[in-house]
């Protein structure tokens, strides 16, 4: 029923990639761009996205964007702004977001999920959180169980070399470049207010992945827990944007477990490294490994890489294309979120969809 009028909220690492995709997408009509930095106000959206000018100028005026009465906001600020989101939802504007790793909202506390659901229903709009992991990778694991007659357990392992993601604040908050903590931490759990324990940013979102897969299996988890284990680099690492001295943390494994029937049935393991010389034997291949113990047993290795087709992408490495994947999990969902029933929803509730209208024809853009 498009084209759908879309506002892009924020133009950071994920947001600017989403903005470029929205400008190119024939089902979407960009009507506004929100920016936090005053030096971006008044700049054409095309310049912010690295494309041709669009005539749409960036703003930091929320009332101006509300007045456009967009069908959807692609909300990609680092943090969820609940009051802003409620304003759009009550205005009848659907929201799809990659902020905070929000997925099901069942682990964020503070009545956040309930507030968003109430605002969406009041405005006749839909709210959905998505992303890559948390998000698309977990959805893929759940979908693969659809081939099974019986399922004993579902496991997803993400192993990434993160040296291509220059965000020293995030990595220091995770403990990178700091003295090792002794042994595994755990079990960790979500506090009633939704705040994660120290050295575990985004923990609510990763717990959400367990609930997403469990819901696809029609199982309610009895409890969830997480364990964190770190490893040190044996050499000094200089990334240009961050230094990690020898003997300090340069890799982390975060394991999230969801329990039902008295055992773990869903597991997410996230392994991020910044050095190829570690004081441990972590040697998992880079990418995503899905393991479903069932009838049949399912094993799947999935990699997301820069394309081999000349001129198709200017993304330099795996971390960069994963940022594209994060953005597109939201952008590709916009038409389906706009057509969904009012209220809070999750990616598993939408129809199965692909990259609509994104096939390239020779010598031209997406068709």
Protein backbone atom coordinates (compact mmCIF):
# COMPACT_ATOMS: atom_id res chain seq x y z
CA UNK A 1 0.00 0.00 0.00
CA UNK A 2 3.09 2.23 -0.28
CA UNK A 3 4.79 4.47 -0.74
CA UNK A 4 5.21 4.81 3.00
CA UNK A 5 6.23 8.19 4.38
CA UNK A 6 9.27 7.66 6.58
CA UNK A 7 11.28 9.76 9.04
CA UNK A 8 14.85 8.66 9.73
CA UNK A 9 15.79 9.36 13.35
CA UNK A 10 19.55 9.79 13.84
CA UNK A 11 22.38 9.42 11.33
CA UNK A 12 25.12 7.57 13.21
CA UNK A 13 26.83 4.37 12.09
CA UNK A 14 23.57 2.49 11.57
CA UNK A 15 21.30 5.46 10.92
CA UNK A 16 23.18 6.88 7.94
CA UNK A 17 23.16 3.46 6.26
CA UNK A 18 19.42 3.22 6.86
CA UNK A 19 18.97 6.73 5.50
CA UNK A 20 20.73 5.83 2.24
CA UNK A 21 18.55 2.73 1.88
CA UNK A 22 15.33 4.67 2.54
CA UNK A 23 16.28 7.26 -0.11
CA UNK A 24 16.81 4.45 -2.65
CA UNK A 25 13.78 2.32 -1.73
CA UNK A 26 10.85 2.63 -4.17
CA UNK A 27 8.30 1.68 -1.49
CA UNK A 28 9.53 4.36 0.93
CA UNK A 29 9.26 8.14 0.73
CA UNK A 30 11.66 10.05 2.99
CA UNK A 31 9.85 13.03 4.54
CA UNK A 32 12.17 13.99 7.39
CA UNK A 33 15.49 13.39 9.15
CA UNK A 34 16.23 14.01 12.82
CA UNK A 35 19.80 14.81 13.86
CA UNK A 36 21.31 15.39 17.30
CA UNK A 37 24.28 17.53 16.22
CA UNK A 38 23.54 21.20 15.60
CA UNK A 39 26.07 21.26 12.75
CA UNK A 40 23.92 18.75 10.84
CA UNK A 41 20.72 20.82 11.11
CA UNK A 42 19.79 22.18 7.69
CA UNK A 43 22.04 19.71 5.84
CA UNK A 44 20.43 17.83 2.97
CA UNK A 45 19.61 14.19 3.78
CA UNK A 46 21.52 13.09 0.70
CA UNK A 47 24.72 14.66 1.97
CA UNK A 48 24.31 12.90 5.31
CA UNK A 49 23.73 9.59 3.54
CA UNK A 50 26.45 10.02 0.93
CA UNK A 51 23.96 10.17 -1.97
CA UNK A 52 22.58 12.89 -4.25
CA UNK A 53 20.65 15.77 -2.68
CA UNK A 54 17.02 15.03 -1.85
CA UNK A 55 15.60 18.40 -0.89
CA UNK A 56 14.87 17.02 2.60
CA UNK A 57 16.79 19.02 5.21
CA UNK A 58 17.77 17.58 8.58
CA UNK A 59 16.18 19.03 11.71
CA UNK A 60 16.20 18.67 15.48
CA UNK A 61 12.60 19.89 15.80
CA UNK A 62 10.37 17.01 16.90
CA UNK A 63 7.17 19.01 16.32
CA UNK A 64 8.20 19.62 12.71
CA UNK A 65 8.60 15.88 12.12
CA UNK A 66 5.30 15.06 13.85
CA UNK A 67 3.58 17.58 11.57
CA UNK A 68 4.64 15.56 8.53
CA UNK A 69 2.42 12.74 9.87
CA UNK A 70 4.80 10.03 8.64
CA UNK A 71 3.65 6.45 8.36
CA UNK A 72 6.79 5.23 10.13
CA UNK A 73 9.85 6.41 12.08
CA UNK A 74 13.09 4.48 11.61
CA UNK A 75 14.43 5.20 15.09
CA UNK A 76 18.18 4.58 15.40
CA UNK A 77 19.42 6.68 18.27
CA UNK A 78 21.80 4.89 20.63
CA UNK A 79 19.20 4.98 23.40
CA UNK A 80 15.43 4.67 23.35
CA UNK A 81 13.72 8.01 24.08
CA UNK A 82 10.43 6.78 25.48
CA UNK A 83 8.66 10.15 25.53
CA UNK A 84 9.54 10.82 21.88
CA UNK A 85 8.48 7.32 20.87
CA UNK A 86 5.17 7.70 22.71
CA UNK A 87 4.57 11.02 20.93
CA UNK A 88 5.00 9.43 17.51
CA UNK A 89 2.95 6.36 18.37
CA UNK A 90 0.06 8.44 19.74
CA UNK A 91 0.32 10.51 16.55
CA UNK A 92 -0.50 7.34 14.60
CA UNK A 93 3.09 6.87 13.42
CA UNK A 94 4.52 3.36 13.41
CA UNK A 95 8.00 2.89 14.86
CA UNK A 96 10.74 0.41 14.00
CA UNK A 97 13.93 0.71 16.05
CA UNK A 98 17.39 -0.80 16.45
CA UNK A 99 18.12 1.14 19.67
CA UNK A 100 19.38 -0.52 22.85
CA UNK A 101 19.21 -4.00 21.36
CA UNK A 102 15.47 -3.87 22.10
CA UNK A 103 13.70 -6.91 20.67
CA UNK A 104 10.84 -8.32 22.73
CA UNK A 105 11.06 -5.80 25.57
CA UNK A 106 10.38 -8.56 28.08
CA UNK A 107 13.65 -7.95 29.93
CA UNK A 108 13.87 -4.15 30.06
CA UNK A 109 11.83 -3.54 33.20
CA UNK A 110 10.26 -0.28 34.33
CA UNK A 111 7.06 -1.02 32.42
CA UNK A 112 8.73 0.03 29.16
CA UNK A 113 7.08 -2.59 26.97
CA UNK A 114 3.67 -1.81 28.46
CA UNK A 115 4.11 1.95 27.91
CA UNK A 116 5.04 1.47 24.27
CA UNK A 117 2.17 -0.95 23.70
CA UNK A 118 -0.34 1.42 25.30
CA UNK A 119 0.84 4.42 23.25
CA UNK A 120 0.75 2.37 20.04
CA UNK A 121 -2.77 1.14 20.66
CA UNK A 122 -3.93 4.64 21.54
CA UNK A 123 -2.67 5.95 18.19
CA UNK A 124 -3.55 2.89 16.14
CA UNK A 125 0.15 2.37 15.40
CA UNK A 126 2.68 -0.46 15.74
CA UNK A 127 6.02 -0.55 17.59
CA UNK A 128 8.78 -3.06 16.83
CA UNK A 129 12.40 -3.48 17.90
CA UNK A 130 14.84 -5.30 15.63
CA UNK A 131 18.49 -5.37 14.58
CA UNK A 132 21.03 -8.02 13.71
CA UNK A 133 22.08 -9.73 16.92
CA UNK A 134 19.89 -9.11 18.86
CA UNK A 135 17.53 -9.46 15.91
CA UNK A 136 17.92 -11.07 12.48
CA UNK A 137 20.41 -13.79 13.45
CA UNK A 138 18.18 -14.97 16.29
CA UNK A 139 15.10 -14.90 14.07
CA UNK A 140 16.98 -17.07 11.55
CA UNK A 141 17.80 -19.63 14.24
CA UNK A 142 14.17 -19.79 15.30
CA UNK A 143 12.93 -20.12 11.71
CA UNK A 144 15.18 -23.12 11.07
CA UNK A 145 13.33 -25.05 13.78
CA UNK A 146 10.35 -25.01 11.40
CA UNK A 147 11.89 -28.06 9.66
CA UNK A 148 11.86 -30.10 12.88
CA UNK A 149 9.33 -32.56 14.25
CA UNK A 150 10.90 -32.40 17.70
CA UNK A 151 13.31 -29.87 19.21
CA UNK A 152 15.55 -30.44 22.19
CA UNK A 153 17.56 -27.19 22.10
CA UNK A 154 18.57 -24.22 19.93
CA UNK A 155 22.04 -22.66 19.99
CA UNK A 156 23.43 -19.65 18.14
CA UNK A 157 27.11 -18.67 18.32
CA UNK A 158 28.35 -15.31 17.01
CA UNK A 159 32.13 -14.97 16.60
CA UNK A 160 33.43 -11.64 15.32
CA UNK A 161 36.73 -9.84 14.89
CA UNK A 162 35.62 -6.41 16.09
CA UNK A 163 38.70 -4.38 15.17
CA UNK A 164 36.69 -2.79 12.36
CA UNK A 165 34.21 -1.17 14.76
CA UNK A 166 35.91 2.03 16.04
CA UNK A 167 33.92 2.89 19.15
CA UNK A 168 36.37 2.98 22.08
CA UNK A 169 33.70 4.07 24.57
CA UNK A 170 31.68 0.92 23.97
CA UNK A 171 34.69 -1.39 24.13
CA UNK A 172 36.08 0.19 27.32
CA UNK A 173 32.65 -0.17 28.94
CA UNK A 174 32.88 -3.88 28.15
CA UNK A 175 36.29 -4.10 29.83
CA UNK A 176 38.54 -4.14 26.75
CA UNK A 177 42.03 -2.81 27.50
CA UNK A 178 41.49 -3.33 31.25
CA UNK A 179 42.93 -5.95 33.63
CA UNK A 180 41.18 -9.31 33.40
CA UNK A 181 38.51 -10.28 35.85
CA UNK A 182 39.31 -13.57 37.51
CA UNK A 183 37.44 -16.43 35.85
CA UNK A 184 33.94 -16.45 34.42
CA UNK A 185 31.37 -14.03 35.81
CA UNK A 186 27.98 -15.43 36.45
CA UNK A 187 25.31 -16.20 36.60
CA UNK A 188 24.14 -12.65 35.84
CA UNK A 189 20.51 -11.66 35.80
CA UNK A 190 18.41 -8.64 34.92
CA UNK A 191 17.49 -6.35 37.82
CA UNK A 192 13.79 -5.44 38.24
CA UNK A 193 14.50 -1.95 36.86
CA UNK A 194 15.99 -3.46 33.70
CA UNK A 195 19.54 -2.30 34.47
CA UNK A 196 22.34 -4.69 33.51
CA UNK A 197 25.13 -5.58 35.94
CA UNK A 198 28.60 -3.99 35.52
CA UNK A 199 30.54 -4.88 32.34
CA UNK A 200 27.38 -6.07 30.61
CA UNK A 201 25.93 -3.25 28.46
CA UNK A 202 22.89 -4.22 26.36
CA UNK A 203 22.26 -7.28 28.50
CA UNK A 204 18.44 -6.81 28.41
CA UNK A 205 18.48 -6.99 24.60
CA UNK A 206 20.50 -10.19 24.56
CA UNK A 207 18.12 -11.76 27.07
CA UNK A 208 15.33 -10.68 24.69
CA UNK A 209 16.80 -12.99 22.04
CA UNK A 210 16.12 -15.98 24.28
CA UNK A 211 12.47 -14.97 24.62
CA UNK A 212 12.17 -14.39 20.87
CA UNK A 213 13.29 -17.92 20.00
CA UNK A 214 11.30 -19.46 22.86
CA UNK A 215 8.16 -17.69 21.65
CA UNK A 216 8.71 -19.16 18.17
CA UNK A 217 8.75 -22.56 19.89
CA UNK A 218 5.61 -21.67 21.90
CA UNK A 219 7.55 -22.13 25.14
CA UNK A 220 7.66 -19.77 28.11
CA UNK A 221 11.09 -19.70 29.71
CA UNK A 222 11.23 -20.45 33.41
CA UNK A 223 14.35 -18.41 33.99
CA UNK A 224 17.36 -16.93 32.18
CA UNK A 225 20.97 -16.36 33.09
CA UNK A 226 24.21 -15.15 31.55
CA UNK A 227 27.92 -15.86 31.99
CA UNK A 228 30.80 -13.65 30.92
CA UNK A 229 34.35 -14.88 30.33
CA UNK A 230 37.26 -12.76 29.11
CA UNK A 231 40.70 -13.37 27.59
CA UNK A 232 43.90 -11.30 27.47
CA UNK A 233 46.05 -10.37 24.52
CA UNK A 234 49.63 -11.65 24.56
CA UNK A 235 50.84 -8.67 22.52
CA UNK A 236 50.29 -4.93 22.48
CA UNK A 237 47.44 -4.07 20.11
CA UNK A 238 47.32 -0.62 18.49
CA UNK A 239 44.13 -0.12 16.49
CA UNK A 240 44.79 3.56 15.87
CA UNK A 241 41.56 4.52 17.61
CA UNK A 242 42.30 2.36 20.70
CA UNK A 243 45.31 0.74 22.37
CA UNK A 244 45.04 -2.60 24.18
CA UNK A 245 48.22 -3.38 26.16
CA UNK A 246 49.53 -6.93 26.45
CA UNK A 247 48.02 -8.70 29.45
CA UNK A 248 44.73 -6.78 29.32
CA UNK A 249 41.33 -7.90 28.07
CA UNK A 250 41.11 -8.24 24.29
CA UNK A 251 38.29 -10.78 23.90
CA UNK A 252 35.04 -11.63 25.63
CA UNK A 253 32.54 -14.47 25.46
CA UNK A 254 29.04 -13.75 26.72
CA UNK A 255 26.75 -16.75 27.02
CA UNK A 256 23.00 -16.34 27.55
CA UNK A 257 20.85 -19.31 28.55
CA UNK A 258 17.08 -19.73 28.63
CA UNK A 259 15.61 -22.58 30.68
CA UNK A 260 12.40 -24.59 30.40
CA UNK A 261 11.48 -28.13 31.43
CA UNK A 262 14.34 -27.97 33.94
CA UNK A 263 17.13 -27.49 31.36
CA UNK A 264 18.63 -24.99 28.95
CA UNK A 265 16.66 -24.99 25.69
CA UNK A 266 17.90 -21.75 24.08
CA UNK A 267 21.51 -20.53 24.09
CA UNK A 268 23.11 -17.45 22.60
CA UNK A 269 26.91 -17.18 22.71
CA UNK A 270 28.52 -13.92 21.62
CA UNK A 271 32.31 -13.92 21.18
CA UNK A 272 34.04 -10.63 20.32
CA UNK A 273 37.80 -10.39 19.81
CA UNK A 274 40.32 -7.60 19.25
CA UNK A 275 43.54 -9.65 19.03
CA UNK A 276 44.64 -12.77 17.17
CA UNK A 277 47.09 -13.64 19.95
CA UNK A 278 45.15 -14.56 23.09
CA UNK A 279 45.92 -16.44 26.30
CA UNK A 280 43.25 -19.06 25.51
CA UNK A 281 42.32 -21.56 22.81
CA UNK A 282 39.23 -19.78 21.47
CA UNK A 283 39.36 -20.79 17.83
CA UNK A 284 35.78 -20.68 16.54
CA UNK A 285 35.52 -19.63 12.88
CA UNK A 286 34.29 -16.10 12.32
CA UNK A 287 30.62 -15.75 11.55
CA UNK A 288 27.46 -17.39 12.87
CA UNK A 289 26.93 -21.01 13.83
CA UNK A 290 23.41 -22.33 14.39
CA UNK A 291 22.92 -25.70 16.05
CA UNK A 292 19.47 -27.19 16.59
CA UNK A 293 19.34 -30.52 18.37
CA UNK A 294 16.13 -31.96 17.03
CA UNK A 295 14.56 -34.30 14.52
CA UNK A 296 16.19 -33.55 12.17
CA UNK A 297 19.30 -32.07 13.78
CA UNK A 298 20.14 -28.78 12.04
CA UNK A 299 23.63 -27.31 11.67
CA UNK A 300 24.19 -24.10 9.74
CA UNK A 301 27.23 -21.87 9.32
CA UNK A 302 26.35 -18.38 8.04
CA UNK A 303 28.76 -15.62 7.06
CA UNK A 304 27.96 -12.01 6.20
CA UNK A 305 30.78 -10.58 4.08
CA UNK A 306 31.54 -7.65 1.77
CA UNK A 307 30.27 -8.42 -1.75
CA UNK A 308 32.60 -9.66 -4.47
CA UNK A 309 30.80 -7.73 -7.25
CA UNK A 310 32.90 -4.72 -8.23
CA UNK A 311 31.36 -1.39 -7.27
CA UNK A 312 28.44 -2.90 -5.37
CA UNK A 313 29.56 -1.66 -1.96
CA UNK A 314 32.05 0.69 -0.38
CA UNK A 315 31.90 -1.08 2.99
CA UNK A 316 35.48 -2.04 3.90
CA UNK A 317 35.06 -5.05 6.20
CA UNK A 318 32.75 -7.50 7.94
CA UNK A 319 31.84 -5.17 10.81
CA UNK A 320 30.77 -2.52 8.30
CA UNK A 321 28.50 -4.85 6.34
CA UNK A 322 26.97 -6.02 9.62
CA UNK A 323 26.03 -2.39 10.26
CA UNK A 324 24.28 -2.48 6.88
CA UNK A 325 22.52 -5.67 7.98
CA UNK A 326 21.41 -4.00 11.22
CA UNK A 327 19.96 -1.06 9.31
CA UNK A 328 18.23 -3.24 6.72
CA UNK A 329 16.58 -5.46 9.32
CA UNK A 330 14.61 -2.31 10.17
CA UNK A 331 14.27 -0.67 6.74
CA UNK A 332 13.07 -3.83 4.98
CA UNK A 333 10.50 -4.32 7.75
CA UNK A 334 8.89 -0.87 7.40
CA UNK A 335 6.07 -1.84 4.98
CA UNK A 336 5.15 -4.83 7.12
CA UNK A 337 5.23 -2.89 10.39
CA UNK A 338 2.99 -0.27 8.78
CA UNK A 339 0.45 -2.98 7.86
CA UNK A 340 0.63 -4.84 11.21
CA UNK A 341 -2.09 -4.71 13.85
CA UNK A 342 -1.73 -1.85 16.38
CA UNK A 343 0.36 -2.43 19.49
CA UNK A 344 3.73 -3.88 20.39
CA UNK A 345 5.07 -6.57 18.05
CA UNK A 346 8.27 -8.51 17.36
CA UNK A 347 10.05 -9.59 14.14
CA UNK A 348 8.76 -13.15 14.56
CA UNK A 349 5.17 -11.89 14.28
CA UNK A 350 5.68 -10.35 10.83
CA UNK A 351 5.29 -12.25 7.55
CA UNK A 352 8.48 -13.70 6.08
CA UNK A 353 9.99 -11.07 3.78
CA UNK A 354 13.14 -10.43 1.81
CA UNK A 355 14.92 -7.42 0.32
CA UNK A 356 11.95 -6.21 -1.73
CA UNK A 357 12.82 -4.14 -4.83
CA UNK A 358 16.54 -4.32 -4.03
CA UNK A 359 17.65 -6.48 -6.98
CA UNK A 360 20.27 -4.69 -9.06
CA UNK A 361 19.94 -4.42 -12.82
CA UNK A 362 23.06 -4.04 -14.92
CA UNK A 363 24.45 -0.52 -14.76
CA UNK A 364 21.69 0.88 -12.55
CA UNK A 365 20.46 1.10 -8.98
CA UNK A 366 18.02 -1.19 -7.23
CA UNK A 367 14.84 -2.01 -9.14
